[in-house]
Amino acid sequence: MANRVDNFLGDSLGRTIIKLAIISLIVGVILAAINVTPWEVWDAVRRFFVNLYNLGFDALWSIGRYFVYGAIVVVPIFLILRFLKFGK
């Protein structure tokens, strides 16, 4: 069981807790230095999703449009690379 937990965490439980504590302290110092609280970060994320929801179908249309624009560039490049690799 401990091996599964270690695999999930990427290290032993104790070392992972120590790493998280150190990183939390560093992030806390940085947030305090720039005068940002975790509640402000949470509120900004929440407002982002509320605004995205309020956009409704316009947001979906924009995402679909970006998908098509990207596919117009990516798919031909992918096909060309596959054809070049297929010949070898």
N, C-alpha and C. Protein backbone atom coordinates (compact mmCIF):
# COMPACT_ATOMS: atom_id res chain seq x y z
N MET A 1 0.82 -1.20 0.00
CA MET A 1 0.00 0.00 0.00
C MET A 1 0.87 1.26 0.00
N ALA A 2 1.96 1.23 0.79
CA ALA A 2 2.82 2.41 0.85
C ALA A 2 3.49 2.66 -0.50
N ASN A 3 3.79 1.59 -1.22
CA ASN A 3 4.42 1.74 -2.53
C ASN A 3 3.48 2.46 -3.49
N ARG A 4 2.19 2.18 -3.43
CA ARG A 4 1.22 2.85 -4.30
C ARG A 4 1.13 4.33 -3.96
N VAL A 5 1.17 4.64 -2.66
CA VAL A 5 1.12 6.04 -2.24
C VAL A 5 2.38 6.76 -2.69
N ASP A 6 3.52 6.12 -2.51
CA ASP A 6 4.78 6.72 -2.94
C ASP A 6 4.80 6.95 -4.45
N ASN A 7 4.28 6.00 -5.21
CA ASN A 7 4.21 6.17 -6.67
C ASN A 7 3.31 7.33 -7.03
N PHE A 8 2.19 7.46 -6.32
CA PHE A 8 1.27 8.55 -6.60
C PHE A 8 1.89 9.90 -6.27
N LEU A 9 2.56 9.98 -5.13
CA LEU A 9 3.15 11.24 -4.68
C LEU A 9 4.47 11.55 -5.38
N GLY A 10 5.13 10.54 -5.92
CA GLY A 10 6.41 10.75 -6.57
C GLY A 10 7.58 10.67 -5.62
N ASP A 11 7.32 10.51 -4.35
CA ASP A 11 8.35 10.40 -3.33
C ASP A 11 7.68 9.83 -2.09
N SER A 12 8.43 9.69 -1.01
CA SER A 12 7.82 9.19 0.22
C SER A 12 6.88 10.25 0.79
N LEU A 13 5.95 9.82 1.63
CA LEU A 13 4.96 10.72 2.20
C LEU A 13 5.62 11.83 3.01
N GLY A 14 6.60 11.49 3.84
CA GLY A 14 7.28 12.49 4.66
C GLY A 14 8.01 13.54 3.84
N ARG A 15 8.75 13.08 2.83
CA ARG A 15 9.48 14.03 1.98
C ARG A 15 8.52 14.91 1.19
N THR A 16 7.41 14.35 0.75
CA THR A 16 6.42 15.13 0.02
C THR A 16 5.82 16.21 0.91
N ILE A 17 5.52 15.88 2.15
CA ILE A 17 4.97 16.87 3.08
C ILE A 17 5.98 17.98 3.33
N ILE A 18 7.25 17.63 3.49
CA ILE A 18 8.29 18.65 3.70
C ILE A 18 8.42 19.55 2.48
N LYS A 19 8.42 18.96 1.28
CA LYS A 19 8.51 19.76 0.06
C LYS A 19 7.32 20.71 -0.07
N LEU A 20 6.13 20.20 0.20
CA LEU A 20 4.94 21.05 0.12
C LEU A 20 4.98 22.17 1.15
N ALA A 21 5.48 21.89 2.32
CA ALA A 21 5.59 22.92 3.35
C ALA A 21 6.55 24.02 2.93
N ILE A 22 7.69 23.64 2.36
CA ILE A 22 8.68 24.63 1.93
C ILE A 22 8.13 25.47 0.77
N ILE A 23 7.51 24.81 -0.20
CA ILE A 23 6.95 25.54 -1.33
C ILE A 23 5.82 26.46 -0.87
N SER A 24 4.99 25.99 0.08
CA SER A 24 3.91 26.82 0.61
C SER A 24 4.46 28.06 1.30
N LEU A 25 5.54 27.91 2.05
CA LEU A 25 6.16 29.05 2.71
C LEU A 25 6.69 30.05 1.69
N ILE A 26 7.36 29.57 0.66
CA ILE A 26 7.90 30.46 -0.38
C ILE A 26 6.78 31.20 -1.09
N VAL A 27 5.73 30.47 -1.48
CA VAL A 27 4.60 31.11 -2.17
C VAL A 27 3.91 32.11 -1.25
N GLY A 28 3.78 31.77 0.03
CA GLY A 28 3.19 32.69 0.99
C GLY A 28 3.97 33.99 1.12
N VAL A 29 5.29 33.89 1.15
CA VAL A 29 6.14 35.08 1.23
C VAL A 29 5.98 35.93 -0.03
N ILE A 30 5.96 35.28 -1.19
CA ILE A 30 5.80 36.02 -2.45
C ILE A 30 4.44 36.71 -2.50
N LEU A 31 3.37 35.99 -2.12
CA LEU A 31 2.04 36.61 -2.12
C LEU A 31 1.96 37.78 -1.14
N ALA A 32 2.58 37.63 0.02
CA ALA A 32 2.58 38.73 0.99
C ALA A 32 3.37 39.92 0.46
N ALA A 33 4.45 39.65 -0.26
CA ALA A 33 5.27 40.73 -0.79
C ALA A 33 4.53 41.54 -1.85
N ILE A 34 3.70 40.88 -2.63
CA ILE A 34 2.94 41.61 -3.66
C ILE A 34 1.53 41.96 -3.19
N ASN A 35 1.29 41.72 -1.89
CA ASN A 35 0.04 42.11 -1.24
C ASN A 35 -1.19 41.47 -1.90
N VAL A 36 -1.11 40.17 -2.11
CA VAL A 36 -2.22 39.40 -2.66
C VAL A 36 -2.57 38.30 -1.67
N THR A 37 -3.85 38.17 -1.40
CA THR A 37 -4.30 37.12 -0.49
C THR A 37 -4.84 35.95 -1.30
N PRO A 38 -4.84 34.76 -0.71
CA PRO A 38 -5.43 33.61 -1.41
C PRO A 38 -6.90 33.82 -1.75
N TRP A 39 -7.61 34.57 -0.92
CA TRP A 39 -9.03 34.84 -1.21
C TRP A 39 -9.18 35.68 -2.47
N GLU A 40 -8.26 36.60 -2.70
CA GLU A 40 -8.32 37.40 -3.93
C GLU A 40 -8.06 36.53 -5.15
N VAL A 41 -7.13 35.59 -5.03
CA VAL A 41 -6.85 34.67 -6.14
C VAL A 41 -8.08 33.81 -6.41
N TRP A 42 -8.67 33.27 -5.35
CA TRP A 42 -9.87 32.44 -5.50
C TRP A 42 -11.00 33.24 -6.13
N ASP A 43 -11.18 34.48 -5.69
CA ASP A 43 -12.24 35.32 -6.24
C ASP A 43 -11.99 35.64 -7.71
N ALA A 44 -10.74 35.85 -8.09
CA ALA A 44 -10.43 36.11 -9.50
C ALA A 44 -10.74 34.90 -10.36
N VAL A 45 -10.42 33.71 -9.88
CA VAL A 45 -10.73 32.48 -10.63
C VAL A 45 -12.25 32.32 -10.74
N ARG A 46 -12.95 32.55 -9.64
CA ARG A 46 -14.41 32.43 -9.64
C ARG A 46 -15.03 33.42 -10.62
N ARG A 47 -14.56 34.68 -10.58
CA ARG A 47 -15.10 35.69 -11.51
C ARG A 47 -14.82 35.33 -12.96
N PHE A 48 -13.65 34.74 -13.23
CA PHE A 48 -13.33 34.31 -14.59
C PHE A 48 -14.36 33.32 -15.10
N PHE A 49 -14.69 32.31 -14.29
CA PHE A 49 -15.65 31.30 -14.73
C PHE A 49 -17.07 31.86 -14.81
N VAL A 50 -17.42 32.78 -13.90
CA VAL A 50 -18.74 33.42 -13.99
C VAL A 50 -18.84 34.24 -15.27
N ASN A 51 -17.80 35.00 -15.59
CA ASN A 51 -17.82 35.78 -16.83
C ASN A 51 -17.85 34.88 -18.05
N LEU A 52 -17.13 33.77 -18.01
CA LEU A 52 -17.15 32.82 -19.11
C LEU A 52 -18.55 32.24 -19.28
N TYR A 53 -19.21 31.93 -18.17
CA TYR A 53 -20.58 31.41 -18.22
C TYR A 53 -21.53 32.47 -18.77
N ASN A 54 -21.33 33.72 -18.35
CA ASN A 54 -22.20 34.80 -18.82
C ASN A 54 -22.03 35.07 -20.31
N LEU A 55 -20.87 34.76 -20.86
CA LEU A 55 -20.68 34.92 -22.29
C LEU A 55 -21.54 33.94 -23.08
N GLY A 56 -21.81 32.80 -22.48
CA GLY A 56 -22.69 31.82 -23.09
C GLY A 56 -22.17 31.28 -24.40
N PHE A 57 -23.02 31.30 -25.42
CA PHE A 57 -22.68 30.69 -26.70
C PHE A 57 -21.60 31.48 -27.44
N ASP A 58 -21.44 32.75 -27.13
CA ASP A 58 -20.35 33.50 -27.75
C ASP A 58 -18.99 32.89 -27.40
N ALA A 59 -18.86 32.43 -26.16
CA ALA A 59 -17.61 31.80 -25.75
C ALA A 59 -17.41 30.49 -26.51
N LEU A 60 -18.48 29.71 -26.65
CA LEU A 60 -18.36 28.46 -27.40
C LEU A 60 -18.01 28.72 -28.86
N TRP A 61 -18.61 29.75 -29.45
CA TRP A 61 -18.30 30.10 -30.83
C TRP A 61 -16.83 30.49 -30.97
N SER A 62 -16.32 31.27 -30.00
CA SER A 62 -14.92 31.68 -30.04
C SER A 62 -14.00 30.47 -29.92
N ILE A 63 -14.32 29.57 -29.02
CA ILE A 63 -13.48 28.38 -28.84
C ILE A 63 -13.51 27.53 -30.11
N GLY A 64 -14.68 27.37 -30.69
CA GLY A 64 -14.79 26.61 -31.94
C GLY A 64 -14.00 27.26 -33.07
N ARG A 65 -14.07 28.58 -33.14
CA ARG A 65 -13.34 29.32 -34.17
C ARG A 65 -11.84 29.14 -33.98
N TYR A 66 -11.35 29.22 -32.74
CA TYR A 66 -9.93 29.01 -32.47
C TYR A 66 -9.51 27.60 -32.83
N PHE A 67 -10.37 26.64 -32.55
CA PHE A 67 -10.09 25.25 -32.89
C PHE A 67 -9.91 25.09 -34.40
N VAL A 68 -10.80 25.67 -35.18
CA VAL A 68 -10.72 25.58 -36.64
C VAL A 68 -9.47 26.28 -37.15
N TYR A 69 -9.18 27.47 -36.63
CA TYR A 69 -7.97 28.19 -37.05
C TYR A 69 -6.73 27.35 -36.80
N GLY A 70 -6.65 26.77 -35.62
CA GLY A 70 -5.50 25.94 -35.28
C GLY A 70 -5.41 24.69 -36.14
N ALA A 71 -6.56 24.08 -36.40
CA ALA A 71 -6.59 22.86 -37.20
C ALA A 71 -6.15 23.12 -38.63
N ILE A 72 -6.46 24.30 -39.14
CA ILE A 72 -6.06 24.65 -40.50
C ILE A 72 -4.54 24.67 -40.63
N VAL A 73 -3.84 25.00 -39.56
CA VAL A 73 -2.38 25.03 -39.58
C VAL A 73 -1.80 23.67 -39.16
N VAL A 74 -2.34 23.07 -38.12
CA VAL A 74 -1.73 21.88 -37.52
C VAL A 74 -1.94 20.63 -38.36
N VAL A 75 -3.14 20.41 -38.87
CA VAL A 75 -3.43 19.17 -39.59
C VAL A 75 -2.57 19.01 -40.85
N PRO A 76 -2.43 20.02 -41.70
CA PRO A 76 -1.55 19.83 -42.86
C PRO A 76 -0.10 19.56 -42.47
N ILE A 77 0.40 20.24 -41.44
CA ILE A 77 1.77 19.99 -41.00
C ILE A 77 1.91 18.56 -40.49
N PHE A 78 0.92 18.11 -39.73
CA PHE A 78 0.92 16.74 -39.22
C PHE A 78 0.93 15.75 -40.37
N LEU A 79 0.08 15.96 -41.37
CA LEU A 79 0.01 15.05 -42.50
C LEU A 79 1.31 15.03 -43.30
N ILE A 80 1.89 16.19 -43.52
CA ILE A 80 3.17 16.26 -44.24
C ILE A 80 4.25 15.49 -43.49
N LEU A 81 4.33 15.69 -42.18
CA LEU A 81 5.34 14.98 -41.39
C LEU A 81 5.10 13.49 -41.40
N ARG A 82 3.85 13.06 -41.33
CA ARG A 82 3.54 11.63 -41.36
C ARG A 82 3.91 11.03 -42.72
N PHE A 83 3.60 11.75 -43.79
CA PHE A 83 3.94 11.24 -45.12
C PHE A 83 5.46 11.15 -45.30
N LEU A 84 6.19 12.13 -44.79
CA LEU A 84 7.65 12.09 -44.91
C LEU A 84 8.23 10.93 -44.09
N LYS A 85 7.66 10.69 -42.94
CA LYS A 85 8.13 9.59 -42.08
C LYS A 85 7.70 8.23 -42.66
N PHE A 86 6.56 8.20 -43.33
CA PHE A 86 6.05 6.95 -43.91
C PHE A 86 6.96 6.43 -45.01
N GLY A 87 7.57 7.33 -45.75
CA GLY A 87 8.44 6.93 -46.85
C GLY A 87 9.76 6.31 -46.41
N LYS A 88 10.13 6.48 -45.18
CA LYS A 88 11.43 5.99 -44.70
C LYS A 88 11.36 4.55 -44.28
